[in-house]
C-alpha atoms as a PDB file:
ATOM      1  CA  MET A   1     -44.099  -5.114  22.678  1.00  0.00           C
ATOM      2  CA  PRO A   2     -41.176  -4.272  20.458  1.00  0.00           C
ATOM      3  CA  ILE A   3     -39.551  -6.900  17.998  1.00  0.00           C
ATOM      4  CA  ARG A   4     -36.190  -8.417  19.670  1.00  0.00           C
ATOM      5  CA  VAL A   5     -33.796  -8.162  17.223  1.00  0.00           C
ATOM      6  CA  ALA A   6     -29.975  -9.117  16.989  1.00  0.00           C
ATOM      7  CA  LEU A   7     -26.940  -7.637  14.664  1.00  0.00           C
ATOM      8  CA  VAL A   8     -25.030  -9.852  12.847  1.00  0.00           C
ATOM      9  CA  ASN A   9     -21.491  -9.549  11.016  1.00  0.00           C
ATOM     10  CA  ASP A  10     -18.242  -9.835  11.520  1.00  0.00           C
ATOM     11  CA  ASP A  11     -17.120  -6.260  12.232  1.00  0.00           C
ATOM     12  CA  GLU A  12     -18.177  -4.289  15.584  1.00  0.00           C
ATOM     13  CA  ILE A  13     -17.792  -0.889  13.835  1.00  0.00           C
ATOM     14  CA  VAL A  14     -20.714  -1.774  11.100  1.00  0.00           C
ATOM     15  CA  LEU A  15     -22.846  -3.830  13.548  1.00  0.00           C
ATOM     16  CA  ARG A  16     -23.040  -0.474  15.837  1.00  0.00           C
ATOM     17  CA  GLY A  17     -23.543   1.404  12.657  1.00  0.00           C
ATOM     18  CA  LEU A  18     -27.056  -0.338  12.043  1.00  0.00           C
ATOM     19  CA  ASP A  19     -28.062   0.052  16.222  1.00  0.00           C
ATOM     20  CA  ALA A  20     -27.293   3.616  15.398  1.00  0.00           C
ATOM     21  CA  MET A  21     -29.316   3.616  12.890  1.00  0.00           C
ATOM     22  CA  LEU A  22     -32.081   1.854  14.305  1.00  0.00           C
ATOM     23  CA  ARG A  23     -31.986   3.564  17.385  1.00  0.00           C
ATOM     24  CA  ASN A  24     -34.948   5.799  17.004  1.00  0.00           C
ATOM     25  CA  HIS A  25     -37.730   3.176  16.629  1.00  0.00           C
ATOM     26  CA  GLY A  26     -36.792   1.310  19.979  1.00  0.00           C
ATOM     27  CA  GLU A  27     -40.579   1.379  20.031  1.00  0.00           C
ATOM     28  CA  ARG A  28     -40.629  -0.884  17.486  1.00  0.00           C
ATOM     29  CA  VAL A  29     -37.265  -2.837  17.209  1.00  0.00           C
ATOM     30  CA  GLN A  30     -35.287  -3.402  20.183  1.00  0.00           C
ATOM     31  CA  VAL A  31     -31.904  -4.460  19.627  1.00  0.00           C
ATOM     32  CA  VAL A  32     -31.155  -7.232  22.220  1.00  0.00           C
ATOM     33  CA  GLU A  33     -27.573  -8.522  21.154  1.00  0.00           C
ATOM     34  CA  ILE A  34     -24.803  -7.459  18.806  1.00  0.00           C
ATOM     35  CA  ALA A  35     -23.144 -10.245  17.333  1.00  0.00           C
ATOM     36  CA  ALA A  36     -19.912 -10.417  15.609  1.00  0.00           C
ATOM     37  CA  SER A  37     -17.707 -13.329  14.545  1.00  0.00           C
ATOM     38  CA  LYS A  38     -20.084 -14.794  17.933  1.00  0.00           C
ATOM     39  CA  PRO A  39     -23.141 -17.020  17.742  1.00  0.00           C
ATOM     40  CA  VAL A  40     -26.097 -15.314  18.680  1.00  0.00           C
ATOM     41  CA  ALA A  41     -26.778 -16.139  22.336  1.00  0.00           C
ATOM     42  CA  THR A  42     -30.299 -14.270  23.173  1.00  0.00           C
ATOM     43  CA  ALA A  43     -33.916 -15.466  22.144  1.00  0.00           C
ATOM     44  CA  VAL A  44     -34.176 -13.115  19.045  1.00  0.00           C
ATOM     45  CA  ASP A  45     -37.497 -12.515  16.629  1.00  0.00           C
ATOM     46  CA  ILE A  46     -34.958 -11.763  13.605  1.00  0.00           C
ATOM     47  CA  ALA A  47     -31.265 -12.192  13.362  1.00  0.00           C
ATOM     48  CA  LEU A  48     -30.690  -9.348  10.825  1.00  0.00           C
ATOM     49  CA  TYR A  49     -27.236 -10.513   9.000  1.00  0.00           C
ATOM     50  CA  ASP A  50     -25.554  -7.589   7.286  1.00  0.00           C
ATOM     51  CA  THR A  51     -23.299  -8.787   4.143  1.00  0.00           C
ATOM     52  CA  PHE A  52     -20.527  -6.511   4.597  1.00  0.00           C
ATOM     53  CA  ALA A  53     -17.208  -8.776   3.715  1.00  0.00           C
ATOM     54  CA  VAL A  54     -19.010 -12.046   5.416  1.00  0.00           C
ATOM     55  CA  GLY A  55     -20.741 -13.402   2.512  1.00  0.00           C
ATOM     56  CA  GLN A  56     -23.876 -13.615   0.592  1.00  0.00           C
ATOM     57  CA  GLY A  57     -27.303 -14.562   2.026  1.00  0.00           C
ATOM     58  CA  ASN A  58     -26.502 -17.824   0.940  1.00  0.00           C
ATOM     59  CA  SER A  59     -23.034 -18.473   3.239  1.00  0.00           C
ATOM     60  CA  HIS A  60     -22.453 -21.081   5.336  1.00  0.00           C
ATOM     61  CA  GLY A  61     -22.810 -17.979   8.214  1.00  0.00           C
ATOM     62  CA  VAL A  62     -27.071 -17.641   7.437  1.00  0.00           C
ATOM     63  CA  ALA A  63     -27.258 -21.037   7.181  1.00  0.00           C
ATOM     64  CA  LYS A  64     -25.960 -21.322  10.780  1.00  0.00           C
ATOM     65  CA  LEU A  65     -28.227 -18.184  11.584  1.00  0.00           C
ATOM     66  CA  ILE A  66     -31.449 -20.112  10.711  1.00  0.00           C
ATOM     67  CA  ALA A  67     -30.233 -23.791  12.103  1.00  0.00           C
ATOM     68  CA  ASN A  68     -29.643 -21.562  15.705  1.00  0.00           C
ATOM     69  CA  PRO A  69     -32.508 -22.404  18.128  1.00  0.00           C
ATOM     70  CA  TYR A  70     -32.120 -18.915  19.809  1.00  0.00           C
ATOM     71  CA  VAL A  71     -33.197 -17.513  15.941  1.00  0.00           C
ATOM     72  CA  SER A  72     -36.517 -17.176  15.253  1.00  0.00           C
ATOM     73  CA  LYS A  73     -36.120 -15.647  11.574  1.00  0.00           C
ATOM     74  CA  VAL A  74     -33.124 -14.519   9.563  1.00  0.00           C
ATOM     75  CA  VAL A  75     -33.511 -11.608   7.281  1.00  0.00           C
ATOM     76  CA  VAL A  76     -30.303 -10.402   4.884  1.00  0.00           C
ATOM     77  CA  TYR A  77     -29.382  -7.293   4.602  1.00  0.00           C
ATOM     78  CA  THR A  78     -27.212  -6.270   2.024  1.00  0.00           C
ATOM     79  CA  SER A  79     -26.759  -4.191  -1.387  1.00  0.00           C
ATOM     80  CA  ASN A  80     -26.175  -7.095  -3.629  1.00  0.00           C
ATOM     81  CA  PHE A  81     -29.122  -7.564  -5.759  1.00  0.00           C
ATOM     82  CA  GLN A  82     -27.891  -9.783  -8.094  1.00  0.00           C
ATOM     83  CA  PRO A  83     -32.015 -11.500  -9.188  1.00  0.00           C
ATOM     84  CA  TRP A  84     -30.351 -15.678  -8.632  1.00  0.00           C
ATOM     85  CA  LEU A  85     -28.874 -14.334  -5.069  1.00  0.00           C
ATOM     86  CA  ALA A  86     -32.248 -13.233  -4.181  1.00  0.00           C
ATOM     87  CA  ARG A  87     -33.755 -16.247  -5.388  1.00  0.00           C
ATOM     88  CA  GLU A  88     -31.390 -18.292  -4.110  1.00  0.00           C
ATOM     89  CA  THR A  89     -31.152 -16.736  -0.393  1.00  0.00           C
ATOM     90  CA  MET A  90     -35.024 -16.809  -0.244  1.00  0.00           C
ATOM     91  CA  ALA A  91     -34.927 -20.149  -1.194  1.00  0.00           C
ATOM     92  CA  THR A  92     -32.752 -21.338   2.167  1.00  0.00           C
ATOM     93  CA  GLY A  93     -35.190 -20.245   4.619  1.00  0.00           C
ATOM     94  CA  VAL A  94     -34.040 -16.574   4.982  1.00  0.00           C
ATOM     95  CA  ARG A  95     -37.987 -14.394   5.702  1.00  0.00           C
ATOM     96  CA  GLY A  96     -36.225 -10.652   4.680  1.00  0.00           C
ATOM     97  CA  TYR A  97     -33.883 -10.006   1.994  1.00  0.00           C
ATOM     98  CA  LEU A  98     -33.270  -6.331   2.446  1.00  0.00           C
ATOM     99  CA  SER A  99     -31.672  -3.144   0.657  1.00  0.00           C
ATOM    100  CA  LYS A 100     -29.489  -1.245   2.336  1.00  0.00           C
ATOM    101  CA  SER A 101     -30.909   1.784   0.506  1.00  0.00           C
ATOM    102  CA  LEU A 102     -33.632   1.553   2.517  1.00  0.00           C
ATOM    103  CA  SER A 103     -34.491   4.272   5.230  1.00  0.00           C
ATOM    104  CA  ALA A 104     -34.117   3.194   8.655  1.00  0.00           C
ATOM    105  CA  ALA A 105     -38.095   3.395   8.968  1.00  0.00           C
ATOM    106  CA  GLN A 106     -38.728   1.458   5.778  1.00  0.00           C
ATOM    107  CA  LEU A 107     -36.128  -1.086   6.931  1.00  0.00           C
ATOM    108  CA  VAL A 108     -38.312  -0.985  10.249  1.00  0.00           C
ATOM    109  CA  GLU A 109     -41.281  -2.028   8.281  1.00  0.00           C
ATOM    110  CA  ALA A 110     -39.838  -4.605   6.660  1.00  0.00           C
ATOM    111  CA  LEU A 111     -38.740  -5.910   9.838  1.00  0.00           C
ATOM    112  CA  GLN A 112     -42.399  -5.840  10.986  1.00  0.00           C
ATOM    113  CA  MET A 113     -43.644  -7.231   7.843  1.00  0.00           C
ATOM    114  CA  VAL A 114     -41.304 -10.224   8.559  1.00  0.00           C
ATOM    115  CA  HIS A 115     -42.088 -10.654  12.244  1.00  0.00           C
ATOM    116  CA  ALA A 116     -45.829 -10.771  11.066  1.00  0.00           C
ATOM    117  CA  GLY A 117     -45.029 -14.013   8.941  1.00  0.00           C
ATOM    118  CA  GLN A 118     -44.778 -12.273   5.483  1.00  0.00           C
ATOM    119  CA  LYS A 119     -41.556 -13.059   3.186  1.00  0.00           C
ATOM    120  CA  VAL A 120     -40.263  -9.673   2.227  1.00  0.00           C
ATOM    121  CA  LEU A 121     -37.940  -8.870  -0.742  1.00  0.00           C
ATOM    122  CA  SER A 122     -37.392  -5.327  -1.000  1.00  0.00           C
ATOM    123  CA  PRO A 123     -37.013  -3.236  -4.135  1.00  0.00           C
ATOM    124  CA  ALA A 124     -33.351  -3.055  -5.470  1.00  0.00           C
ATOM    125  CA  PRO A 125     -31.997  -0.212  -5.044  1.00  0.00           C
ATOM    126  CA  GLY A 126     -30.876   0.982  -8.336  1.00  0.00           C
ATOM    127  CA  ARG A 127     -28.470   3.478  -8.186  1.00  0.00           C
ATOM    128  CA  ARG A 128     -29.366   4.842  -4.816  1.00  0.00           C
ATOM    129  CA  GLY A 129     -26.710   3.938  -2.168  1.00  0.00           C
ATOM    130  CA  GLN A 130     -26.689   3.046   1.171  1.00  0.00           C
ATOM    131  CA  VAL A 131     -28.303   5.252   3.288  1.00  0.00           C
ATOM    132  CA  GLY A 132     -27.779   4.721   6.919  1.00  0.00           C
ATOM    133  CA  GLY A 133     -25.526   2.493   8.952  1.00  0.00           C
ATOM    134  CA  ASP A 134     -21.523   2.504   9.190  1.00  0.00           C
ATOM    135  CA  TRP A 135     -18.373   0.868   7.673  1.00  0.00           C
ATOM    136  CA  PRO A 136     -14.964   1.250   8.558  1.00  0.00           C
ATOM    137  CA  GLY A 137     -12.850   3.691   6.285  1.00  0.00           C
ATOM    138  CA  ARG A 138     -15.718   5.613   5.519  1.00  0.00           C
ATOM    139  CA  GLU A 139     -13.914   8.719   7.109  1.00  0.00           C
ATOM    140  CA  GLU A 140     -11.390   8.549   4.262  1.00  0.00           C
ATOM    141  CA  GLY A 141     -13.910   8.453   1.969  1.00  0.00           C
ATOM    142  CA  LEU A 142     -14.329   4.916   0.710  1.00  0.00           C
ATOM    143  CA  THR A 143     -17.905   3.934   0.059  1.00  0.00           C
ATOM    144  CA  PRO A 144     -19.204   0.254   1.757  1.00  0.00           C
ATOM    145  CA  ARG A 145     -18.706  -1.794  -1.596  1.00  0.00           C
ATOM    146  CA  GLU A 146     -14.855  -0.698  -1.453  1.00  0.00           C
ATOM    147  CA  ALA A 147     -14.544  -0.523   2.116  1.00  0.00           C
ATOM    148  CA  GLU A 148     -16.127  -4.162   1.845  1.00  0.00           C
ATOM    149  CA  VAL A 149     -13.224  -5.054  -0.702  1.00  0.00           C
ATOM    150  CA  LEU A 150     -10.397  -3.931   1.255  1.00  0.00           C
ATOM    151  CA  SER A 151     -11.535  -5.514   4.421  1.00  0.00           C
ATOM    152  CA  LEU A 152     -11.644  -8.955   2.313  1.00  0.00           C
ATOM    153  CA  ILE A 153      -7.875  -7.884   0.922  1.00  0.00           C
ATOM    154  CA  THR A 154      -6.875  -7.084   4.297  1.00  0.00           C
ATOM    155  CA  MET A 155      -8.233 -10.711   5.456  1.00  0.00           C
ATOM    156  CA  GLY A 156      -5.385 -12.052   3.036  1.00  0.00           C
ATOM    157  CA  LEU A 157      -8.185 -12.978   0.192  1.00  0.00           C
ATOM    158  CA  SER A 158      -7.236 -13.140  -3.589  1.00  0.00           C
ATOM    159  CA  ASN A 159      -9.255 -11.054  -6.174  1.00  0.00           C
ATOM    160  CA  LEU A 160     -10.651 -14.622  -6.822  1.00  0.00           C
ATOM    161  CA  GLU A 161     -11.917 -15.478  -3.552  1.00  0.00           C
ATOM    162  CA  ILE A 162     -13.242 -11.727  -3.265  1.00  0.00           C
ATOM    163  CA  ALA A 163     -15.152 -11.728  -6.287  1.00  0.00           C
ATOM    164  CA  ASP A 164     -16.593 -15.327  -4.872  1.00  0.00           C
ATOM    165  CA  ARG A 165     -17.385 -13.617  -1.422  1.00  0.00           C
ATOM    166  CA  THR A 166     -18.924 -11.113  -2.970  1.00  0.00           C
ATOM    167  CA  SER A 167     -20.757 -12.589  -6.116  1.00  0.00           C
ATOM    168  CA  LEU A 168     -19.208  -9.903  -7.964  1.00  0.00           C
ATOM    169  CA  SER A 169     -16.645 -10.213 -10.957  1.00  0.00           C
ATOM    170  CA  VAL A 170     -12.721 -10.287 -11.059  1.00  0.00           C
ATOM    171  CA  ASN A 171     -12.702  -6.962 -13.482  1.00  0.00           C
ATOM    172  CA  SER A 172     -15.020  -5.752 -10.618  1.00  0.00           C
ATOM    173  CA  ILE A 173     -12.836  -6.265  -7.723  1.00  0.00           C
ATOM    174  CA  LYS A 174      -9.590  -4.820  -9.689  1.00  0.00           C
ATOM    175  CA  SER A 175     -11.472  -1.769 -10.323  1.00  0.00           C
ATOM    176  CA  TYR A 176     -12.651  -1.245  -6.650  1.00  0.00           C
ATOM    177  CA  ILE A 177      -9.444  -1.569  -5.868  1.00  0.00           C
ATOM    178  CA  ARG A 178      -7.781   0.948  -8.268  1.00  0.00           C
ATOM    179  CA  SER A 179     -10.501   3.242  -6.636  1.00  0.00           C
ATOM    180  CA  CYS A 180      -9.452   2.399  -2.880  1.00  0.00           C
ATOM    181  CA  TYR A 181      -5.560   2.606  -3.482  1.00  0.00           C
ATOM    182  CA  ARG A 182      -6.106   5.852  -4.961  1.00  0.00           C
ATOM    183  CA  LYS A 183      -8.446   7.143  -1.889  1.00  0.00           C
ATOM    184  CA  ILE A 184      -6.403   5.648   0.766  1.00  0.00           C
ATOM    185  CA  ASP A 185      -2.900   6.699  -1.156  1.00  0.00           C
ATOM    186  CA  VAL A 186      -1.236   3.445  -1.234  1.00  0.00           C
ATOM    187  CA  ASP A 187       0.265   2.009  -4.120  1.00  0.00           C
ATOM    188  CA  SER A 188       0.597  -2.097  -3.674  1.00  0.00           C
ATOM    189  CA  ARG A 189      -1.388  -4.818  -1.466  1.00  0.00           C
ATOM    190  CA  SER A 190       1.047  -4.950   1.379  1.00  0.00           C
ATOM    191  CA  LYS A 191       0.635  -1.776   1.872  1.00  0.00           C
ATOM    192  CA  ALA A 192      -3.300  -1.648   1.815  1.00  0.00           C
ATOM    193  CA  VAL A 193      -3.417  -4.521   3.965  1.00  0.00           C
ATOM    194  CA  LEU A 194      -1.264  -2.899   6.453  1.00  0.00           C
ATOM    195  CA  TRP A 195      -3.826   0.438   5.956  1.00  0.00           C
ATOM    196  CA  GLY A 196      -6.432  -1.781   6.879  1.00  0.00           C
ATOM    197  CA  MET A 197      -5.086  -3.667   9.965  1.00  0.00           C
ATOM    198  CA  ALA A 198      -4.457  -0.096  11.305  1.00  0.00           C
ATOM    199  CA  HIS A 199      -8.148   0.772  10.718  1.00  0.00           C
ATOM    200  CA  GLY A 200     -10.040  -1.600  12.032  1.00  0.00           C
ATOM    201  CA  LEU A 201     -10.623  -3.819   8.759  1.00  0.00           C
ATOM    202  CA  ARG A 202      -9.902  -7.082  10.943  1.00  0.00           C
ATOM    203  CA  PRO A 203     -13.148  -9.434  12.055  1.00  0.00           C
ATOM    204  CA  ASP A 204     -13.782  -8.758  15.473  1.00  0.00           C
ATOM    205  CA  ARG A 205     -15.040 -11.075  18.315  1.00  0.00           C
ATOM    206  CA  VAL A 206     -17.396  -9.688  20.445  1.00  0.00           C
ATOM    207  CA  ARG A 207     -21.173 -10.227  21.649  1.00  0.00           C
ATOM    208  CA  ILE A 208     -22.896  -6.708  23.147  1.00  0.00           C
ATOM    209  CA  GLN A 209     -26.057  -6.924  25.221  1.00  0.00           C
ATOM    210  CA  GLY A 210     -28.548  -4.523  24.409  1.00  0.00           C
ATOM    211  CA  SER A 211     -28.395  -1.368  22.284  1.00  0.00           C
ATOM    212  CA  PRO A 212     -25.002   0.739  22.955  1.00  0.00           C
ATOM    213  CA  ALA A 213     -26.748   3.281  20.639  1.00  0.00           C
ATOM    214  CA  GLN A 214     -30.454   3.735  22.630  1.00  0.00           C
ATOM    215  CA  ALA A 215     -28.344   3.186  25.995  1.00  0.00           C
ATOM    216  CA  GLN A 216     -26.430   6.736  25.204  1.00  0.00           C
ATOM    217  CA  ALA A 217     -29.773   8.147  24.220  1.00  0.00           C
ATOM    218  CA  GLU A 218     -31.262   7.359  27.142  1.00  0.00           C
ATOM    219  CA  ALA A 219     -27.988   8.489  29.258  1.00  0.00           C
ATOM    220  CA  SER A 220     -27.909  11.735  27.692  1.00  0.00           C
ATOM    221  CA  GLY A 221     -31.674  12.144  28.340  1.00  0.00           C
ATOM    222  CA  ARG A 222     -32.695  12.458  25.555  1.00  0.00           C
ATOM    223  CA  PRO A 223     -36.219  11.307  25.401  1.00  0.00           C
ATOM    224  CA  ARG A 224     -37.026   8.163  23.327  1.00  0.00           C
ATOM    225  CA  PRO A 225     -39.462   9.137  20.287  1.00  0.00           C
END
């Protein structure tokens, strides 16, 4: 039987990208719910928490997932591999701390290990960037981190609040903001907010049952692997 998985984040684009990344592994992992700013309401083996713009693995959102009776195990999917944060996250009861540099096959293998009862801390990504998935602003050339920072700006957070949310330094946040502004051709925070609102960088509130990516593949007649 495939592992029943819920995908959790505040951004539907992010979750649909992660769902699409997993679509060719339906025999091992079944996405049964996509929860954007909604609590998981379906019994699942694993809730996969994507940290894009919602706080890191030690956040209140993760604590709520751990306490959710519908969720058997919680796995954090992140690009932030500061050693102290990884340790703190795993100490909360999270069963896996997985890098966004993992391929789809590697991610599925790690989820299977967690389901089998192991605690999994994947290797730090080093210089390798995010392999799969999607994020708002990708088509404009924004990196996942730039898009995350811009999303938090759109939510009205200050540089200090963004640094706290992402566990990065304020200077790093300022650097990401400058590169964002160049790529989206704006010269002020207010213009950046308007751009973000127009390009899907606000939290969504939606719960989707099942896997849209797998359903689309089946509807198109493509055989499952």
